[in-house]
Protein backbone atom coordinates (compact mmCIF):
# COMPACT_ATOMS: atom_id res chain seq x y z
CA UNK A 1 272.73 56.21 141.86
CA UNK A 2 270.63 58.86 144.16
CA UNK A 3 268.30 58.02 147.39
CA UNK A 4 265.34 59.14 145.33
CA UNK A 5 266.20 56.24 142.80
CA UNK A 6 266.54 53.87 145.67
CA UNK A 7 263.20 54.78 147.10
CA UNK A 8 261.47 55.16 143.65
CA UNK A 9 263.20 51.41 142.65
CA UNK A 10 263.68 49.47 146.16
CA UNK A 11 265.97 46.33 145.32
CA UNK A 12 268.35 48.06 142.47
CA UNK A 13 271.32 48.27 145.55
CA UNK A 14 269.51 46.47 148.65
CA UNK A 15 267.02 43.98 148.09
CA UNK A 16 266.52 43.24 151.33
CA UNK A 17 262.73 45.01 153.44
CA UNK A 18 265.22 46.48 156.24
CA UNK A 19 267.38 47.64 153.81
CA UNK A 20 264.91 49.61 151.66
CA UNK A 21 263.04 50.95 154.81
CA UNK A 22 266.79 52.43 156.02
CA UNK A 23 267.04 54.03 152.02
CA UNK A 24 264.13 55.98 153.12
CA UNK A 25 266.40 57.32 156.67
CA UNK A 26 268.52 59.00 153.90
CA UNK A 27 266.22 61.02 151.86
CA UNK A 28 264.97 62.45 155.59
CA UNK A 29 268.40 62.93 156.01
CA UNK A 30 268.92 64.73 152.89
CA UNK A 31 265.76 66.36 152.65
CA UNK A 32 265.66 68.21 156.11
CA UNK A 33 269.10 67.88 156.96
CA UNK A 34 270.64 69.87 153.65
CA UNK A 35 273.10 67.16 153.04
CA UNK A 36 274.22 67.86 149.57
CA UNK A 37 273.12 65.21 146.77
CA UNK A 38 276.58 64.45 145.46
CA UNK A 39 277.18 62.68 148.89
CA UNK A 40 275.12 60.33 148.27
CA UNK A 41 275.87 59.23 144.97
CA UNK A 42 277.99 56.11 145.57
CA UNK A 43 276.34 52.89 146.03
CA UNK A 44 279.37 52.72 149.00
CA UNK A 45 278.97 55.84 150.59
CA UNK A 46 275.44 54.86 151.31
CA UNK A 47 275.65 52.28 152.62
CA UNK A 48 278.26 53.22 155.01
CA UNK A 49 275.78 56.28 155.87
CA UNK A 50 273.20 53.70 156.57
CA UNK A 51 275.19 51.31 158.99
CA UNK A 52 276.40 54.29 160.64
CA UNK A 53 272.45 55.20 161.78
CA UNK A 54 271.13 51.80 162.61
CA UNK A 55 270.50 52.10 165.75
CA UNK A 56 268.28 55.10 165.02
CA UNK A 57 266.07 53.32 162.36
CA UNK A 58 262.59 53.24 163.99
CA UNK A 59 262.97 56.80 165.18
CA UNK A 60 264.02 58.50 161.86
CA UNK A 61 261.69 56.01 160.02
CA UNK A 62 258.83 57.41 161.65
CA UNK A 63 260.08 60.47 161.09
CA UNK A 64 260.52 59.83 157.64
CA UNK A 65 256.98 58.84 157.13
CA UNK A 66 255.16 61.77 158.51
CA UNK A 67 257.98 63.96 156.32
CA UNK A 68 256.71 62.18 153.14
CA UNK A 69 253.48 62.43 154.06
CA UNK A 70 253.10 65.84 154.33
CA UNK A 71 254.39 66.23 150.88
CA UNK A 72 253.79 63.51 149.19
CA UNK A 73 250.77 65.08 146.56
CA UNK A 74 253.18 67.84 145.36
CA UNK A 75 256.42 64.81 144.47
CA UNK A 76 253.70 62.20 143.39
CA UNK A 77 252.08 64.92 141.22
CA UNK A 78 255.41 65.55 140.17
CA UNK A 79 256.32 61.76 139.25
CA UNK A 80 252.66 61.25 137.49
CA UNK A 81 253.79 64.97 134.88
CA UNK A 82 256.93 63.30 134.53
CA UNK A 83 255.38 59.98 133.38
CA UNK A 84 252.57 61.53 131.09
CA UNK A 85 255.14 63.41 129.66
CA UNK A 86 257.18 59.97 128.47
CA UNK A 87 253.40 58.71 126.90
CA UNK A 88 253.00 58.83 123.37
CA UNK A 89 250.68 62.23 123.17
CA UNK A 90 248.03 59.91 120.80
CA UNK A 91 247.34 57.32 123.32
CA UNK A 92 244.35 59.26 125.52
CA UNK A 93 242.89 59.61 122.10
CA UNK A 94 243.19 55.98 121.42
CA UNK A 95 242.22 54.71 124.77
CA UNK A 96 239.16 57.17 124.55
CA UNK A 97 237.85 56.09 121.11
CA UNK A 98 238.58 52.57 122.81
CA UNK A 99 236.35 52.77 125.53
CA UNK A 100 233.65 54.40 123.75
CA UNK A 101 233.84 51.46 121.04
CA UNK A 102 233.90 48.78 123.76
CA UNK A 103 230.23 50.74 125.51
CA UNK A 104 228.80 51.00 121.98
CA UNK A 105 229.68 47.12 121.06
CA UNK A 106 227.86 46.32 124.85
CA UNK A 107 224.94 48.69 123.66
CA UNK A 108 224.67 47.26 120.00
CA UNK A 109 224.44 43.72 121.37
CA UNK A 110 221.85 44.94 123.53
CA UNK A 111 219.58 46.31 120.63
CA UNK A 112 220.47 44.77 117.58
CA UNK A 113 218.61 47.26 115.36
CA UNK A 114 220.62 50.31 116.77
CA UNK A 115 223.57 48.79 116.48
CA UNK A 116 227.65 49.60 117.46
CA UNK A 117 228.71 51.34 114.65
CA UNK A 118 225.97 53.99 114.94
CA UNK A 119 226.14 54.15 119.17
CA UNK A 120 229.51 54.95 118.92
CA UNK A 121 228.80 58.08 116.19
CA UNK A 122 226.15 58.95 118.96
CA UNK A 123 228.25 58.55 121.94
CA UNK A 124 231.10 60.40 120.80
CA UNK A 125 228.76 63.44 119.27
CA UNK A 126 226.87 64.03 122.02
CA UNK A 127 230.50 63.90 124.16
CA UNK A 128 231.51 66.01 121.82
CA UNK A 129 228.66 69.06 121.82
CA UNK A 130 227.95 68.65 125.83
CA UNK A 131 230.75 68.06 127.92
CA UNK A 132 233.79 69.15 125.02
CA UNK A 133 236.73 66.98 124.45
CA UNK A 134 240.28 68.35 126.12
CA UNK A 135 242.82 69.22 123.23
CA UNK A 136 244.54 65.65 124.51
CA UNK A 137 242.59 63.72 122.87
CA UNK A 138 242.55 65.40 119.69
CA UNK A 139 246.23 63.71 118.04
CA UNK A 140 244.70 60.15 119.42
CA UNK A 141 241.40 60.83 117.70
CA UNK A 142 242.95 61.75 114.85
CA UNK A 143 245.51 59.07 114.28
CA UNK A 144 242.25 56.49 114.89
CA UNK A 145 240.17 58.07 112.46
CA UNK A 146 243.30 58.01 109.59
CA UNK A 147 245.98 55.49 110.57
CA UNK A 148 243.96 53.00 112.51
CA UNK A 149 241.02 52.80 110.02
CA UNK A 150 243.61 51.42 107.33
CA UNK A 151 245.21 48.89 109.30
CA UNK A 152 241.51 47.84 109.80
CA UNK A 153 240.59 47.84 106.19
CA UNK A 154 243.55 46.03 105.60
CA UNK A 155 242.64 43.11 108.30
CA UNK A 156 238.99 42.94 106.60
CA UNK A 157 241.06 41.43 103.45
CA UNK A 158 242.12 38.21 105.65
CA UNK A 159 238.54 37.69 105.20
CA UNK A 160 237.70 38.31 101.55
CA UNK A 161 238.39 35.96 98.37
CA UNK A 162 240.96 38.36 95.72
CA UNK A 163 238.83 36.50 92.73
CA UNK A 164 235.56 37.33 94.79
CA UNK A 165 237.29 41.27 94.66
CA UNK A 166 237.89 41.75 90.90
CA UNK A 167 234.28 40.36 90.58
CA UNK A 168 232.73 42.69 92.61
CA UNK A 169 234.81 45.76 90.80
CA UNK A 170 233.63 44.14 87.76
CA UNK A 171 229.92 44.60 88.81
CA UNK A 172 230.85 48.11 90.08
CA UNK A 173 233.40 49.71 87.73
CA UNK A 174 230.40 51.44 85.82
CA UNK A 175 228.36 52.89 88.32
CA UNK A 176 231.99 54.36 90.36
CA UNK A 177 232.75 55.77 87.01
CA UNK A 178 229.58 57.59 85.92
CA UNK A 179 228.99 58.68 89.53
CA UNK A 180 232.22 60.36 90.01
CA UNK A 181 232.24 61.98 87.09
CA UNK A 182 228.69 63.51 87.26
CA UNK A 183 228.88 64.16 90.58
CA UNK A 184 231.96 66.46 90.10
CA UNK A 185 230.19 68.26 86.84
CA UNK A 186 226.48 68.41 87.84
CA UNK A 187 228.09 69.97 91.63
CA UNK A 188 230.65 72.69 89.81
CA UNK A 189 227.48 73.71 87.89
CA UNK A 190 225.21 73.84 90.63
CA UNK A 191 227.91 75.96 92.28
CA UNK A 192 228.30 78.20 89.42
CA UNK A 193 223.85 78.41 89.64
CA UNK A 194 224.94 79.76 93.17
CA UNK A 195 227.41 81.51 92.03
CA UNK A 196 229.05 80.17 95.46
CA UNK A 197 233.18 80.07 93.32
CA UNK A 198 234.53 77.33 91.42
CA UNK A 199 236.92 76.32 94.39
CA UNK A 200 234.97 76.14 96.60
CA UNK A 201 232.49 74.05 94.64
CA UNK A 202 234.82 71.51 93.09
CA UNK A 203 236.28 71.05 96.89
CA UNK A 204 232.69 69.95 97.47
CA UNK A 205 232.23 67.85 94.84
CA UNK A 206 235.52 65.77 94.63
CA UNK A 207 235.12 65.04 98.18
CA UNK A 208 231.34 63.91 97.53
CA UNK A 209 232.18 61.44 94.63
CA UNK A 210 235.32 60.13 95.77
CA UNK A 211 236.13 59.97 98.64
CA UNK A 212 235.55 62.94 101.41
CA UNK A 213 238.04 64.60 103.50
CA UNK A 214 241.16 62.57 101.98
CA UNK A 215 239.97 63.91 98.19
CA UNK A 216 239.36 67.41 99.54
CA UNK A 217 242.95 67.41 100.96
CA UNK A 218 244.60 65.88 97.91
CA UNK A 219 243.54 68.36 95.62
CA UNK A 220 243.00 71.45 97.48
CA UNK A 221 246.58 72.60 96.89
CA UNK A 222 246.23 71.45 93.67
CA UNK A 223 243.24 74.40 93.16
CA UNK A 224 245.00 77.03 94.92
CA UNK A 225 241.96 76.53 97.90
CA UNK A 226 242.19 79.08 100.82
CA UNK A 227 242.16 77.45 104.20
CA UNK A 228 238.68 79.01 105.15
CA UNK A 229 237.24 77.13 101.78
CA UNK A 230 238.99 73.26 102.63
CA UNK A 231 237.53 73.93 106.38
CA UNK A 232 233.81 74.57 104.85
CA UNK A 233 234.02 71.95 102.06
CA UNK A 234 235.08 69.51 104.64
CA UNK A 235 232.80 70.47 106.95
CA UNK A 236 229.84 70.30 104.49
CA UNK A 237 231.16 66.60 103.75
CA UNK A 238 230.81 65.19 107.45
CA UNK A 239 227.46 67.21 107.50
CA UNK A 240 226.51 64.72 104.80
CA UNK A 241 227.76 61.34 106.16
CA UNK A 242 225.98 61.88 109.36
CA UNK A 243 222.79 62.06 107.15
CA UNK A 244 223.80 59.12 105.56
CA UNK A 245 224.33 56.66 108.63
CA UNK A 246 220.32 57.01 109.51
CA UNK A 247 219.15 57.71 105.98
CA UNK A 248 220.75 54.63 103.83
CA UNK A 249 220.05 51.82 105.70
CA UNK A 250 215.81 53.36 105.73
CA UNK A 251 215.81 53.57 102.21
CA UNK A 252 217.87 50.25 101.70
CA UNK A 253 215.30 48.26 103.76
CA UNK A 254 212.26 50.35 102.03
CA UNK A 255 212.93 48.90 98.65
CA UNK A 256 214.26 45.93 99.87
CA UNK A 257 217.82 45.95 98.55
CA UNK A 258 219.48 42.86 99.14
CA UNK A 259 222.90 43.20 100.68
CA UNK A 260 225.36 43.07 98.01
CA UNK A 261 223.50 45.73 96.10
CA UNK A 262 223.26 48.28 99.16
CA UNK A 263 227.02 47.79 99.53
CA UNK A 264 227.76 48.75 96.36
CA UNK A 265 225.23 51.66 96.63
CA UNK A 266 227.01 52.57 100.00
CA UNK A 267 230.39 52.31 98.25
CA UNK A 268 229.55 54.17 95.44
CA UNK A 269 227.87 57.18 97.23
CA UNK A 270 228.54 57.77 100.53
CA UNK A 271 231.58 59.97 101.00
CA UNK A 272 234.55 59.14 103.47
CA UNK A 273 236.11 55.53 103.90
CA UNK A 274 235.11 55.25 107.26
CA UNK A 275 231.27 56.32 106.82
CA UNK A 276 230.61 53.71 103.25
CA UNK A 277 232.30 50.80 105.12
CA UNK A 278 230.46 51.46 108.46
CA UNK A 279 227.11 52.29 107.40
CA UNK A 280 227.69 48.56 105.33
CA UNK A 281 228.12 47.23 107.92
CA UNK A 282 225.30 48.94 109.87
CA UNK A 283 222.80 46.51 107.19
CA UNK A 284 224.84 43.47 107.26
CA UNK A 285 228.03 41.62 107.09
CA UNK A 286 227.89 40.96 103.75
CA UNK A 287 227.36 44.90 102.68
CA UNK A 288 229.92 45.88 105.14
CA UNK A 289 232.56 43.54 102.87
CA UNK A 290 230.84 44.65 98.98
CA UNK A 291 231.06 47.93 100.71
CA UNK A 292 234.60 48.25 101.45
CA UNK A 293 235.75 47.09 98.34
CA UNK A 294 233.80 48.87 95.94
CA UNK A 295 234.99 52.35 98.43
CA UNK A 296 238.55 51.30 97.31
CA UNK A 297 238.17 51.24 93.82
CA UNK A 298 236.14 54.09 93.76
CA UNK A 299 238.84 55.68 95.94
CA UNK A 300 241.36 54.96 93.21
CA UNK A 301 239.96 57.36 91.05
CA UNK A 302 241.31 60.31 93.10
CA UNK A 303 244.64 59.23 91.34
CA UNK A 304 243.81 59.90 87.89
CA UNK A 305 242.01 63.03 88.94
CA UNK A 306 245.23 64.39 90.82
CA UNK A 307 246.70 64.28 87.35
CA UNK A 308 243.89 65.81 84.68
CA UNK A 309 242.53 68.60 87.72
CA UNK A 310 245.46 70.95 87.41
CA UNK A 311 245.88 70.20 83.85
CA UNK A 312 242.11 71.41 83.01
CA UNK A 313 242.29 74.20 85.96
CA UNK A 314 245.74 75.48 85.06
CA UNK A 315 246.42 75.81 88.64
CA UNK A 316 249.56 73.58 88.90
CA UNK A 317 253.05 72.47 87.91
CA UNK A 318 254.02 69.39 87.21
CA UNK A 319 256.44 68.89 90.71
CA UNK A 320 253.22 70.44 92.97
CA UNK A 321 251.36 67.29 90.77
CA UNK A 322 253.90 64.92 91.76
CA UNK A 323 253.61 65.66 94.77
CA UNK A 324 250.07 65.21 95.08
CA UNK A 325 250.24 62.17 93.40
CA UNK A 326 252.73 60.59 95.75
CA UNK A 327 251.29 61.27 98.71
CA UNK A 328 247.55 60.52 97.88
CA UNK A 329 248.02 57.39 96.48
CA UNK A 330 246.27 54.46 98.73
CA UNK A 331 248.91 52.23 99.72
CA UNK A 332 246.94 50.46 102.08
CA UNK A 333 244.71 49.11 99.69
CA UNK A 334 247.63 47.34 98.12
CA UNK A 335 248.08 45.79 101.10
CA UNK A 336 244.46 44.75 101.37
CA UNK A 337 244.50 43.37 97.85
CA UNK A 338 247.75 41.69 98.95
CA UNK A 339 246.15 39.89 102.05
CA UNK A 340 243.00 39.09 100.49
CA UNK A 341 245.22 36.91 97.54
CA UNK A 342 246.87 35.56 100.71
CA UNK A 343 243.45 34.21 102.33
CA UNK A 344 242.45 33.24 98.72
CA UNK A 345 245.64 30.53 98.74
CA UNK A 346 244.78 29.40 102.35
CA UNK A 347 246.50 30.68 103.71
CA UNK A 348 244.35 32.10 106.76
CA UNK A 349 242.94 29.56 108.97
CA UNK A 350 239.19 30.03 109.45
CA UNK A 351 239.99 30.72 113.43
CA UNK A 352 242.52 33.79 112.06
CA UNK A 353 239.84 34.99 109.66
CA UNK A 354 237.59 35.20 112.56
CA UNK A 355 240.47 36.70 115.08
CA UNK A 356 240.94 39.37 112.49
CA UNK A 357 237.56 40.35 111.22
CA UNK A 358 236.61 41.01 114.87
CA UNK A 359 239.61 43.18 115.39
CA UNK A 360 238.99 44.58 112.47
CA UNK A 361 235.05 45.30 112.64
CA UNK A 362 235.93 46.50 116.51
CA UNK A 363 238.72 49.41 114.74
CA UNK A 364 235.70 50.39 112.20
CA UNK A 365 233.41 51.22 115.35
CA UNK A 366 236.13 53.04 116.96
CA UNK A 367 236.61 54.93 113.96
CA UNK A 368 233.08 56.26 114.52
CA UNK A 369 233.37 57.00 118.21
CA UNK A 370 236.53 59.11 117.02
CA UNK A 371 234.68 61.03 114.43
CA UNK A 372 231.57 61.78 116.21
CA UNK A 373 234.27 63.39 118.78
CA UNK A 374 235.19 65.33 116.29
CA UNK A 375 231.83 66.33 114.92
CA UNK A 376 231.61 69.92 116.29
CA UNK A 377 227.56 70.83 115.67
CA UNK A 378 228.56 74.31 116.43
CA UNK A 379 230.59 74.10 112.82
CA UNK A 380 227.24 73.51 110.71
CA UNK A 381 226.20 76.53 111.95
CA UNK A 382 228.75 78.54 110.92
CA UNK A 383 228.70 77.09 107.05
CA UNK A 384 225.91 79.34 105.59
CA UNK A 385 223.43 78.72 103.57
CA UNK A 386 225.28 78.30 99.57
CA UNK A 387 228.22 75.58 100.99
CA UNK A 388 225.15 73.33 102.41
CA UNK A 389 222.67 73.64 99.84
CA UNK A 390 225.59 72.35 97.10
CA UNK A 391 226.66 69.58 99.76
CA UNK A 392 223.01 68.90 99.77
CA UNK A 393 222.84 68.94 95.78
CA UNK A 394 225.86 66.69 95.27
CA UNK A 395 225.44 64.30 98.31
CA UNK A 396 221.82 63.97 96.37
CA UNK A 397 223.34 63.97 92.80
CA UNK A 398 226.12 61.13 93.58
CA UNK A 399 222.94 59.10 95.42
CA UNK A 400 220.45 59.25 93.15
CA UNK A 401 222.60 58.21 90.04
CA UNK A 402 224.43 55.37 91.72
CA UNK A 403 221.11 54.40 93.13
CA UNK A 404 219.80 54.41 89.59
CA UNK A 405 222.21 52.09 88.23
CA UNK A 406 222.24 49.37 91.34
CA UNK A 407 218.74 49.31 90.80
CA UNK A 408 219.19 49.00 87.08
CA UNK A 409 221.94 46.72 86.79
CA UNK A 410 222.35 44.71 89.96
CA UNK A 411 218.86 44.27 91.12
């Protein structure tokens, strides 16, 4: 035990205030009289040395306070840096997302027509593109978008009935299948028409038709995609996700869509899982629950695509295909269904359902804040016309096909 530890952790050796003050004397002696640090390691020697200097306590205590104040800023900064180094690297980004989500939820309560989700993405995007975001926040923001979103989806299952989920899945299965297949094929054709390149066209088509950046990341290795092609595809999908936040609810109200129909449309047309769920909840609670269920069913279509795509393209062997399949398997959907099944048999009281629902909805607002904080509008200007046109075509194709099927089969 050293003198510094005694001063930083009062009561470790001495428990009375007088002895704690005396320990300050020892710090003064050691720092200003060059007493070797090893001399003060023993509690016995520490007590002996303090007792030896009791008669001069007040004089040296005043000197100690003066000496400490003259150099305290550097020591405090060093201690803060040491404490910060022990904290998880994702913590600053998560705290920032929580702060923005809390502000967005408050503003959403004041302006319910806008809602907390839209406020979250607007505040996040405004901060990113004006003040900028320190890199220290990036790891926490990525964790929020990728991991906390999945946790929120699982919690949403506590308020849903497994039989309702299967019924919604039955109603939307044909819509999902047609939207996914036609979206990929039409985007591939349009990219060929613009001479964009098969790989980038497929990346954009898969991202728009299935589950956005997740799908792009899952198939990029199978297609042998370059880093710039992957970045272009993801940026294009993110851009049209932002448009969906504002455009889809307006279209839904113009066509007087009920919440179930809108939820199916959002779940089958909006690209990323986070965006589809958020757009659904912007429209209403039921629409959000339906969009969650439909989007998860749509995500599962990524698995057969991973198995079929390399065979059609001739770009990957069995080992890489198996690796991509394992990496992309959506385990959180299994947990979502398990939690829903437990709820179907009365495992969660109403109060617990309300609590978990509130937590999951707040986490979704956090996710949207993180999405906004990761949205760099300057990057969109670097995409060029061809990827944006292809992304626009893919988004419009999937949206129109899905909307037409919903209007024909559901409404």
